[in-house]
């Protein structure tokens, strides 16, 4: 599942960052790391951007950026990074 499909209020684990090198680098600079938990806080009225919480930071990602983040539900256990 990718981050763009996660509903507000859900917490998920980051499994992988995929896409072109520039996008992956940008996501890493935002602090999104494989194995970290993130919470989807909300969405803009038309679904773009998506607001997330990663650690103590709040970020807004465009849908095309969120598609590059593969996630798994927290209740499935911590992923092996």
PDB file of N, CA and C in Angstrom:
ATOM      1  N   UNK A   1       0.857  -1.157   0.000  1.00  0.00           N
ATOM      2  CA  UNK A   1       0.000   0.000   0.000  1.00  0.00           C
ATOM      3  C   UNK A   1       0.915   1.234   0.000  1.00  0.00           C
ATOM      4  N   UNK A   2       0.456   2.307  -0.620  1.00  0.00           N
ATOM      5  CA  UNK A   2       1.240   3.543  -0.638  1.00  0.00           C
ATOM      6  C   UNK A   2       0.579   4.599   0.247  1.00  0.00           C
ATOM      7  N   UNK A   3       1.358   5.579   0.653  1.00  0.00           N
ATOM      8  CA  UNK A   3       0.916   6.586   1.611  1.00  0.00           C
ATOM      9  C   UNK A   3      -0.306   7.363   1.135  1.00  0.00           C
ATOM     10  N   UNK A   4      -0.462   7.549  -0.155  1.00  0.00           N
ATOM     11  CA  UNK A   4      -1.610   8.309  -0.660  1.00  0.00           C
ATOM     12  C   UNK A   4      -2.943   7.621  -0.394  1.00  0.00           C
ATOM     13  N   UNK A   5      -2.945   6.323  -0.057  1.00  0.00           N
ATOM     14  CA  UNK A   5      -4.168   5.558   0.193  1.00  0.00           C
ATOM     15  C   UNK A   5      -4.540   5.486   1.675  1.00  0.00           C
ATOM     16  N   UNK A   6      -3.679   5.997   2.545  1.00  0.00           N
ATOM     17  CA  UNK A   6      -3.909   5.923   3.995  1.00  0.00           C
ATOM     18  C   UNK A   6      -4.903   7.008   4.406  1.00  0.00           C
ATOM     19  N   UNK A   7      -5.861   6.623   5.228  1.00  0.00           N
ATOM     20  CA  UNK A   7      -6.889   7.547   5.703  1.00  0.00           C
ATOM     21  C   UNK A   7      -6.374   8.394   6.870  1.00  0.00           C
ATOM     22  N   UNK A   8      -6.861   9.626   7.009  1.00  0.00           N
ATOM     23  CA  UNK A   8      -6.484  10.456   8.152  1.00  0.00           C
ATOM     24  C   UNK A   8      -6.779   9.743   9.474  1.00  0.00           C
ATOM     25  N   UNK A   9      -5.858   9.871  10.419  1.00  0.00           N
ATOM     26  CA  UNK A   9      -5.987   9.233  11.722  1.00  0.00           C
ATOM     27  C   UNK A   9      -5.263   7.900  11.819  1.00  0.00           C
ATOM     28  N   UNK A  10      -4.846   7.340  10.685  1.00  0.00           N
ATOM     29  CA  UNK A  10      -4.141   6.054  10.703  1.00  0.00           C
ATOM     30  C   UNK A  10      -2.638   6.277  10.850  1.00  0.00           C
ATOM     31  N   UNK A  11      -1.995   5.352  11.538  1.00  0.00           N
ATOM     32  CA  UNK A  11      -0.543   5.338  11.681  1.00  0.00           C
ATOM     33  C   UNK A  11      -0.009   4.125  10.936  1.00  0.00           C
ATOM     34  N   UNK A  12       1.064   4.337  10.193  1.00  0.00           N
ATOM     35  CA  UNK A  12       1.648   3.274   9.368  1.00  0.00           C
ATOM     36  C   UNK A  12       3.167   3.288   9.497  1.00  0.00           C
ATOM     37  N   UNK A  13       3.795   2.167   9.130  1.00  0.00           N
ATOM     38  CA  UNK A  13       5.252   2.064   9.062  1.00  0.00           C
ATOM     39  C   UNK A  13       5.700   2.368   7.643  1.00  0.00           C
ATOM     40  N   UNK A  14       6.829   3.038   7.490  1.00  0.00           N
ATOM     41  CA  UNK A  14       7.421   3.227   6.173  1.00  0.00           C
ATOM     42  C   UNK A  14       8.192   1.960   5.822  1.00  0.00           C
ATOM     43  N   UNK A  15       7.846   1.341   4.703  1.00  0.00           N
ATOM     44  CA  UNK A  15       8.490   0.112   4.254  1.00  0.00           C
ATOM     45  C   UNK A  15       9.574   0.429   3.236  1.00  0.00           C
ATOM     46  N   UNK A  16       9.281   1.342   2.303  1.00  0.00           N
ATOM     47  CA  UNK A  16      10.248   1.662   1.251  1.00  0.00           C
ATOM     48  C   UNK A  16       9.944   3.028   0.649  1.00  0.00           C
ATOM     49  N   UNK A  17      10.982   3.672   0.147  1.00  0.00           N
ATOM     50  CA  UNK A  17      10.860   4.907  -0.621  1.00  0.00           C
ATOM     51  C   UNK A  17      11.266   4.565  -2.044  1.00  0.00           C
ATOM     52  N   UNK A  18      10.384   4.838  -2.991  1.00  0.00           N
ATOM     53  CA  UNK A  18      10.633   4.454  -4.380  1.00  0.00           C
ATOM     54  C   UNK A  18      10.402   5.646  -5.295  1.00  0.00           C
ATOM     55  N   UNK A  19      10.952   5.566  -6.482  1.00  0.00           N
ATOM     56  CA  UNK A  19      10.775   6.636  -7.454  1.00  0.00           C
ATOM     57  C   UNK A  19      12.116   7.127  -7.952  1.00  0.00           C
ATOM     58  N   UNK A  20      12.085   8.273  -8.640  1.00  0.00           N
ATOM     59  CA  UNK A  20      13.352   8.783  -9.163  1.00  0.00           C
ATOM     60  C   UNK A  20      14.245   9.246  -8.014  1.00  0.00           C
ATOM     61  N   UNK A  21      15.526   9.282  -8.278  1.00  0.00           N
ATOM     62  CA  UNK A  21      16.524   9.569  -7.236  1.00  0.00           C
ATOM     63  C   UNK A  21      16.285  10.916  -6.565  1.00  0.00           C
ATOM     64  N   UNK A  22      15.878  11.917  -7.330  1.00  0.00           N
ATOM     65  CA  UNK A  22      15.636  13.240  -6.756  1.00  0.00           C
ATOM     66  C   UNK A  22      14.498  13.244  -5.755  1.00  0.00           C
ATOM     67  N   UNK A  23      13.434  12.536  -6.078  1.00  0.00           N
ATOM     68  CA  UNK A  23      12.286  12.461  -5.174  1.00  0.00           C
ATOM     69  C   UNK A  23      12.653  11.699  -3.905  1.00  0.00           C
ATOM     70  N   UNK A  24      13.334  10.571  -4.053  1.00  0.00           N
ATOM     71  CA  UNK A  24      13.744   9.787  -2.878  1.00  0.00           C
ATOM     72  C   UNK A  24      14.653  10.622  -1.987  1.00  0.00           C
ATOM     73  N   UNK A  25      15.590  11.353  -2.579  1.00  0.00           N
ATOM     74  CA  UNK A  25      16.485  12.218  -1.800  1.00  0.00           C
ATOM     75  C   UNK A  25      15.700  13.270  -1.037  1.00  0.00           C
ATOM     76  N   UNK A  26      14.711  13.871  -1.690  1.00  0.00           N
ATOM     77  CA  UNK A  26      13.876  14.892  -1.042  1.00  0.00           C
ATOM     78  C   UNK A  26      13.130  14.297   0.149  1.00  0.00           C
ATOM     79  N   UNK A  27      12.555  13.108  -0.019  1.00  0.00           N
ATOM     80  CA  UNK A  27      11.834  12.461   1.079  1.00  0.00           C
ATOM     81  C   UNK A  27      12.765  12.131   2.236  1.00  0.00           C
ATOM     82  N   UNK A  28      13.981  11.685   1.934  1.00  0.00           N
ATOM     83  CA  UNK A  28      14.962  11.417   2.980  1.00  0.00           C
ATOM     84  C   UNK A  28      15.338  12.693   3.723  1.00  0.00           C
ATOM     85  N   UNK A  29      15.475  13.795   2.996  1.00  0.00           N
ATOM     86  CA  UNK A  29      15.796  15.083   3.627  1.00  0.00           C
ATOM     87  C   UNK A  29      14.664  15.564   4.518  1.00  0.00           C
ATOM     88  N   UNK A  30      13.430  15.189   4.191  1.00  0.00           N
ATOM     89  CA  UNK A  30      12.284  15.512   5.048  1.00  0.00           C
ATOM     90  C   UNK A  30      12.325  14.712   6.347  1.00  0.00           C
ATOM     91  N   UNK A  31      13.129  13.647   6.386  1.00  0.00           N
ATOM     92  CA  UNK A  31      13.216  12.814   7.579  1.00  0.00           C
ATOM     93  C   UNK A  31      12.412  11.541   7.491  1.00  0.00           C
ATOM     94  N   UNK A  32      11.911  11.204   6.300  1.00  0.00           N
ATOM     95  CA  UNK A  32      11.169   9.963   6.126  1.00  0.00           C
ATOM     96  C   UNK A  32      12.158   8.833   5.895  1.00  0.00           C
ATOM     97  N   UNK A  33      12.236   7.920   6.852  1.00  0.00           N
ATOM     98  CA  UNK A  33      13.193   6.822   6.795  1.00  0.00           C
ATOM     99  C   UNK A  33      12.467   5.495   6.900  1.00  0.00           C
ATOM    100  N   UNK A  34      12.951   4.496   6.187  1.00  0.00           N
ATOM    101  CA  UNK A  34      12.363   3.166   6.262  1.00  0.00           C
ATOM    102  C   UNK A  34      12.383   2.681   7.711  1.00  0.00           C
ATOM    103  N   UNK A  35      11.266   2.111   8.150  1.00  0.00           N
ATOM    104  CA  UNK A  35      11.145   1.604   9.514  1.00  0.00           C
ATOM    105  C   UNK A  35      10.515   2.588  10.481  1.00  0.00           C
ATOM    106  N   UNK A  36      10.371   3.859  10.086  1.00  0.00           N
ATOM    107  CA  UNK A  36       9.749   4.863  10.953  1.00  0.00           C
ATOM    108  C   UNK A  36       8.231   4.808  10.855  1.00  0.00           C
ATOM    109  N   UNK A  37       7.571   5.174  11.941  1.00  0.00           N
ATOM    110  CA  UNK A  37       6.115   5.270  11.947  1.00  0.00           C
ATOM    111  C   UNK A  37       5.716   6.694  11.570  1.00  0.00           C
ATOM    112  N   UNK A  38       4.665   6.814  10.769  1.00  0.00           N
ATOM    113  CA  UNK A  38       4.113   8.127  10.430  1.00  0.00           C
ATOM    114  C   UNK A  38       2.597   8.074  10.579  1.00  0.00           C
ATOM    115  N   UNK A  39       2.017   9.207  10.906  1.00  0.00           N
ATOM    116  CA  UNK A  39       0.565   9.321  11.064  1.00  0.00           C
ATOM    117  C   UNK A  39       0.039  10.289  10.017  1.00  0.00           C
ATOM    118  N   UNK A  40      -1.026   9.891   9.343  1.00  0.00           N
ATOM    119  CA  UNK A  40      -1.686  10.808   8.417  1.00  0.00           C
ATOM    120  C   UNK A  40      -2.636  11.667   9.249  1.00  0.00           C
ATOM    121  N   UNK A  41      -2.414  12.974   9.220  1.00  0.00           N
ATOM    122  CA  UNK A  41      -3.207  13.900  10.017  1.00  0.00           C
ATOM    123  C   UNK A  41      -4.441  14.359   9.256  1.00  0.00           C
ATOM    124  N   UNK A  42      -4.275  14.670   7.978  1.00  0.00           N
ATOM    125  CA  UNK A  42      -5.422  15.135   7.205  1.00  0.00           C
ATOM    126  C   UNK A  42      -5.069  15.327   5.747  1.00  0.00           C
ATOM    127  N   UNK A  43      -6.103  15.727   5.004  1.00  0.00           N
ATOM    128  CA  UNK A  43      -5.964  15.997   3.573  1.00  0.00           C
ATOM    129  C   UNK A  43      -6.651  17.314   3.257  1.00  0.00           C
ATOM    130  N   UNK A  44      -6.180  17.966   2.221  1.00  0.00           N
ATOM    131  CA  UNK A  44      -6.863  19.147   1.722  1.00  0.00           C
ATOM    132  C   UNK A  44      -8.207  18.692   1.132  1.00  0.00           C
ATOM    133  N   UNK A  45      -9.147  19.604   0.960  1.00  0.00           N
ATOM    134  CA  UNK A  45     -10.473  19.219   0.471  1.00  0.00           C
ATOM    135  C   UNK A  45     -10.475  18.400  -0.822  1.00  0.00           C
ATOM    136  N   UNK A  46      -9.565  18.646  -1.727  1.00  0.00           N
ATOM    137  CA  UNK A  46      -9.523  17.879  -2.969  1.00  0.00           C
ATOM    138  C   UNK A  46      -8.537  16.721  -2.898  1.00  0.00           C
ATOM    139  N   UNK A  47      -8.015  16.418  -1.693  1.00  0.00           N
ATOM    140  CA  UNK A  47      -7.142  15.274  -1.492  1.00  0.00           C
ATOM    141  C   UNK A  47      -5.665  15.534  -1.685  1.00  0.00           C
ATOM    142  N   UNK A  48      -5.297  16.753  -1.998  1.00  0.00           N
ATOM    143  CA  UNK A  48      -3.897  17.066  -2.267  1.00  0.00           C
ATOM    144  C   UNK A  48      -3.609  18.465  -1.746  1.00  0.00           C
ATOM    145  N   UNK A  49      -2.696  18.672  -0.826  1.00  0.00           N
ATOM    146  CA  UNK A  49      -1.696  17.767  -0.271  1.00  0.00           C
ATOM    147  C   UNK A  49      -2.226  16.943   0.907  1.00  0.00           C
ATOM    148  N   UNK A  50      -1.354  16.063   1.379  1.00  0.00           N
ATOM    149  CA  UNK A  50      -1.624  15.197   2.523  1.00  0.00           C
ATOM    150  C   UNK A  50      -0.715  15.664   3.652  1.00  0.00           C
ATOM    151  N   UNK A  51      -1.281  15.878   4.845  1.00  0.00           N
ATOM    152  CA  UNK A  51      -0.477  16.290   5.998  1.00  0.00           C
ATOM    153  C   UNK A  51      -0.161  15.066   6.846  1.00  0.00           C
ATOM    154  N   UNK A  52       1.121  14.906   7.192  1.00  0.00           N
ATOM    155  CA  UNK A  52       1.550  13.768   8.002  1.00  0.00           C
ATOM    156  C   UNK A  52       2.369  14.247   9.193  1.00  0.00           C
ATOM    157  N   UNK A  53       2.469  13.367  10.203  1.00  0.00           N
ATOM    158  CA  UNK A  53       3.353  13.612  11.343  1.00  0.00           C
ATOM    159  C   UNK A  53       4.411  12.516  11.319  1.00  0.00           C
ATOM    160  N   UNK A  54       5.660  12.931  11.341  1.00  0.00           N
ATOM    161  CA  UNK A  54       6.797  12.010  11.375  1.00  0.00           C
ATOM    162  C   UNK A  54       7.667  12.450  12.542  1.00  0.00           C
ATOM    163  N   UNK A  55       7.650  11.681  13.626  1.00  0.00           N
ATOM    164  CA  UNK A  55       8.350  12.104  14.836  1.00  0.00           C
ATOM    165  C   UNK A  55       7.667  13.338  15.389  1.00  0.00           C
ATOM    166  N   UNK A  56       8.417  14.401  15.601  1.00  0.00           N
ATOM    167  CA  UNK A  56       7.859  15.654  16.115  1.00  0.00           C
ATOM    168  C   UNK A  56       7.568  16.653  15.000  1.00  0.00           C
ATOM    169  N   UNK A  57       7.753  16.245  13.760  1.00  0.00           N
ATOM    170  CA  UNK A  57       7.563  17.146  12.615  1.00  0.00           C
ATOM    171  C   UNK A  57       6.240  16.873  11.919  1.00  0.00           C
ATOM    172  N   UNK A  58       5.664  17.940  11.367  1.00  0.00           N
ATOM    173  CA  UNK A  58       4.480  17.827  10.526  1.00  0.00           C
ATOM    174  C   UNK A  58       4.882  18.256   9.125  1.00  0.00           C
ATOM    175  N   UNK A  59       4.512  17.439   8.138  1.00  0.00           N
ATOM    176  CA  UNK A  59       4.877  17.697   6.751  1.00  0.00           C
ATOM    177  C   UNK A  59       3.647  17.626   5.872  1.00  0.00           C
ATOM    178  N   UNK A  60       3.689  18.355   4.769  1.00  0.00           N
ATOM    179  CA  UNK A  60       2.664  18.244   3.744  1.00  0.00           C
ATOM    180  C   UNK A  60       3.318  17.684   2.492  1.00  0.00           C
ATOM    181  N   UNK A  61       2.739  16.610   1.971  1.00  0.00           N
ATOM    182  CA  UNK A  61       3.260  15.966   0.768  1.00  0.00           C
ATOM    183  C   UNK A  61       2.204  16.017  -0.325  1.00  0.00           C
ATOM    184  N   UNK A  62       2.643  16.258  -1.542  1.00  0.00           N
ATOM    185  CA  UNK A  62       1.735  16.144  -2.675  1.00  0.00           C
ATOM    186  C   UNK A  62       1.429  14.669  -2.888  1.00  0.00           C
ATOM    187  N   UNK A  63       0.296  14.416  -3.519  1.00  0.00           N
ATOM    188  CA  UNK A  63      -0.101  13.036  -3.772  1.00  0.00           C
ATOM    189  C   UNK A  63       0.968  12.293  -4.567  1.00  0.00           C
ATOM    190  N   UNK A  64       1.580  12.950  -5.567  1.00  0.00           N
ATOM    191  CA  UNK A  64       2.608  12.276  -6.376  1.00  0.00           C
ATOM    192  C   UNK A  64       3.844  11.936  -5.541  1.00  0.00           C
ATOM    193  N   UNK A  65       4.090  12.683  -4.461  1.00  0.00           N
ATOM    194  CA  UNK A  65       5.187  12.356  -3.548  1.00  0.00           C
ATOM    195  C   UNK A  65       4.779  11.204  -2.629  1.00  0.00           C
ATOM    196  N   UNK A  66       3.524  11.228  -2.170  1.00  0.00           N
ATOM    197  CA  UNK A  66       3.028  10.195  -1.264  1.00  0.00           C
ATOM    198  C   UNK A  66       2.984   8.820  -1.936  1.00  0.00           C
ATOM    199  N   UNK A  67       2.787   8.793  -3.249  1.00  0.00           N
ATOM    200  CA  UNK A  67       2.760   7.526  -3.988  1.00  0.00           C
ATOM    201  C   UNK A  67       4.114   6.830  -3.911  1.00  0.00           C
ATOM    202  N   UNK A  68       5.174   7.577  -3.701  1.00  0.00           N
ATOM    203  CA  UNK A  68       6.531   7.009  -3.651  1.00  0.00           C
ATOM    204  C   UNK A  68       6.855   6.368  -2.305  1.00  0.00           C
ATOM    205  N   UNK A  69       5.952   6.482  -1.325  1.00  0.00           N
ATOM    206  CA  UNK A  69       6.194   5.950   0.018  1.00  0.00           C
ATOM    207  C   UNK A  69       5.338   4.690   0.214  1.00  0.00           C
ATOM    208  N   UNK A  70       5.981   3.534   0.244  1.00  0.00           N
ATOM    209  CA  UNK A  70       5.280   2.272   0.503  1.00  0.00           C
ATOM    210  C   UNK A  70       5.192   2.083   2.011  1.00  0.00           C
ATOM    211  N   UNK A  71       3.991   1.742   2.500  1.00  0.00           N
ATOM    212  CA  UNK A  71       3.758   1.643   3.942  1.00  0.00           C
ATOM    213  C   UNK A  71       3.028   0.350   4.278  1.00  0.00           C
ATOM    214  N   UNK A  72       3.046   0.003   5.565  1.00  0.00           N
ATOM    215  CA  UNK A  72       2.238  -1.114   6.070  1.00  0.00           C
ATOM    216  C   UNK A  72       1.585  -0.659   7.371  1.00  0.00           C
ATOM    217  N   UNK A  73       0.405  -1.181   7.682  1.00  0.00           N
ATOM    218  CA  UNK A  73      -0.296  -0.787   8.910  1.00  0.00           C
ATOM    219  C   UNK A  73       0.531  -1.105  10.158  1.00  0.00           C
ATOM    220  N   UNK A  74       0.402  -0.276  11.168  1.00  0.00           N
ATOM    221  CA  UNK A  74       1.118  -0.480  12.426  1.00  0.00           C
ATOM    222  C   UNK A  74       0.717  -1.795  13.075  1.00  0.00           C
ATOM    223  N   UNK A  75      -0.551  -2.185  12.958  1.00  0.00           N
ATOM    224  CA  UNK A  75      -1.006  -3.409  13.614  1.00  0.00           C
ATOM    225  C   UNK A  75      -0.440  -4.667  12.974  1.00  0.00           C
ATOM    226  N   UNK A  76       0.313  -4.531  11.867  1.00  0.00           N
ATOM    227  CA  UNK A  76       0.935  -5.701  11.245  1.00  0.00           C
ATOM    228  C   UNK A  76       2.334  -5.962  11.807  1.00  0.00           C
ATOM    229  N   UNK A  77       2.729  -5.199  12.816  1.00  0.00           N
ATOM    230  CA  UNK A  77       4.060  -5.354  13.406  1.00  0.00           C
ATOM    231  C   UNK A  77       5.078  -4.451  12.727  1.00  0.00           C
ATOM    232  N   UNK A  78       6.169  -4.185  13.411  1.00  0.00           N
ATOM    233  CA  UNK A  78       7.215  -3.305  12.874  1.00  0.00           C
ATOM    234  C   UNK A  78       7.923  -3.994  11.704  1.00  0.00           C
ATOM    235  N   UNK A  79       8.039  -3.288  10.569  1.00  0.00           N
ATOM    236  CA  UNK A  79       8.713  -3.909   9.420  1.00  0.00           C
ATOM    237  C   UNK A  79      10.206  -4.039   9.668  1.00  0.00           C
ATOM    238  N   UNK A  80      10.807  -5.003   9.020  1.00  0.00           N
ATOM    239  CA  UNK A  80      12.261  -5.144   9.081  1.00  0.00           C
ATOM    240  C   UNK A  80      12.870  -4.188   8.092  1.00  0.00           C
ATOM    241  N   UNK A  81      13.709  -3.280   8.558  1.00  0.00           N
ATOM    242  CA  UNK A  81      14.314  -2.285   7.669  1.00  0.00           C
ATOM    243  C   UNK A  81      15.718  -2.683   7.323  1.00  0.00           C
TER     244      UNK A  81
END
